[in-house]
Every structure is written in C-alpha cells, then in structure tokens.
Amino acid sequence: MASIVLNDQGQILGVRLTTGNVDDREVVEKVTKGLWGKLFGDKGYTTTFSVTF
C-alpha cells in the first residue's frame, strides 16, 4: 500500500510503502510529520482520525 503526500503544485512531500494489512490511518502521522497546513483525505480518514497542524 502506498501513502503519498502532495503539495498544491503536485510535488511529492512524503511517501510511505506498507503491506496491505497496515491501517492507512497509522501511516498518516508518520508521512505528515514536520508538515503544516491543510490535510485532505477520503472519508475513511476523517471519520476516526484527526490531525492538528
């Protein structure tokens, strides 16, 4: 599974590769560490996970 963070210009800011049995929400905190601003994701991220920048 790939988790990719892009900026508003489409540049890759972070990438994390995991096996299929890893919950994507566990990866968000690691791949966004050190970033600030708005974070957008699909409904699966927003219903049970909150990130503060």
Protein backbone atom coordinates (compact mmCIF):
# COMPACT_ATOMS: atom_id res chain seq x y z
CA MET A 1 0.00 0.00 0.00
CA ALA A 2 1.32 3.46 -0.83
CA SER A 3 0.55 6.64 1.10
CA ILE A 4 1.63 9.77 -0.75
CA VAL A 5 1.50 13.41 0.36
CA LEU A 6 1.47 16.06 -2.38
CA ASN A 7 1.51 19.82 -2.17
CA ASP A 8 -0.79 22.13 -4.15
CA GLN A 9 1.62 22.02 -7.11
CA GLY A 10 1.67 18.22 -7.27
CA GLN A 11 5.15 17.86 -5.79
CA ILE A 12 5.71 14.80 -3.62
CA LEU A 13 6.36 15.74 0.02
CA GLY A 14 6.18 12.30 1.58
CA VAL A 15 5.84 8.65 0.64
CA ARG A 16 5.33 5.57 2.77
CA LEU A 17 5.05 2.00 1.49
CA THR A 18 3.41 -0.61 3.71
CA THR A 19 1.99 -4.09 3.46
CA GLY A 20 -1.72 -4.46 2.80
CA ASN A 21 -2.56 -5.32 6.42
CA VAL A 22 -1.45 -1.93 7.84
CA ASP A 23 -4.21 0.58 8.60
CA ASP A 24 -3.67 3.67 6.42
CA ARG A 25 -4.56 5.95 9.32
CA GLU A 26 -1.50 4.71 11.25
CA VAL A 27 0.74 5.92 8.42
CA VAL A 28 -0.71 9.46 8.18
CA GLU A 29 1.05 10.74 11.27
CA LYS A 30 4.43 9.45 10.08
CA VAL A 31 4.18 10.67 6.49
CA THR A 32 2.98 14.16 7.51
CA LYS A 33 5.49 14.72 10.33
CA GLY A 34 7.01 18.19 10.06
CA LEU A 35 4.39 19.46 7.61
CA TRP A 36 1.88 22.22 8.28
CA GLY A 37 -1.28 23.41 6.57
CA LYS A 38 -4.43 21.61 5.50
CA LEU A 39 -4.70 17.86 5.13
CA PHE A 40 -7.32 16.33 2.85
CA GLY A 41 -8.23 12.67 2.68
CA ASP A 42 -11.13 10.42 1.89
CA LYS A 43 -13.98 9.79 4.33
CA GLY A 44 -12.17 6.84 5.93
CA TYR A 45 -9.50 9.18 7.32
CA THR A 46 -11.80 11.89 8.62
CA THR A 47 -14.34 9.79 10.48
CA THR A 48 -11.97 8.30 13.07
CA PHE A 49 -8.75 10.29 12.82
CA SER A 50 -7.90 13.91 13.49
CA VAL A 51 -4.63 15.67 12.70
CA THR A 52 -3.65 19.02 14.15
CA PHE A 53 -1.02 21.11 12.39
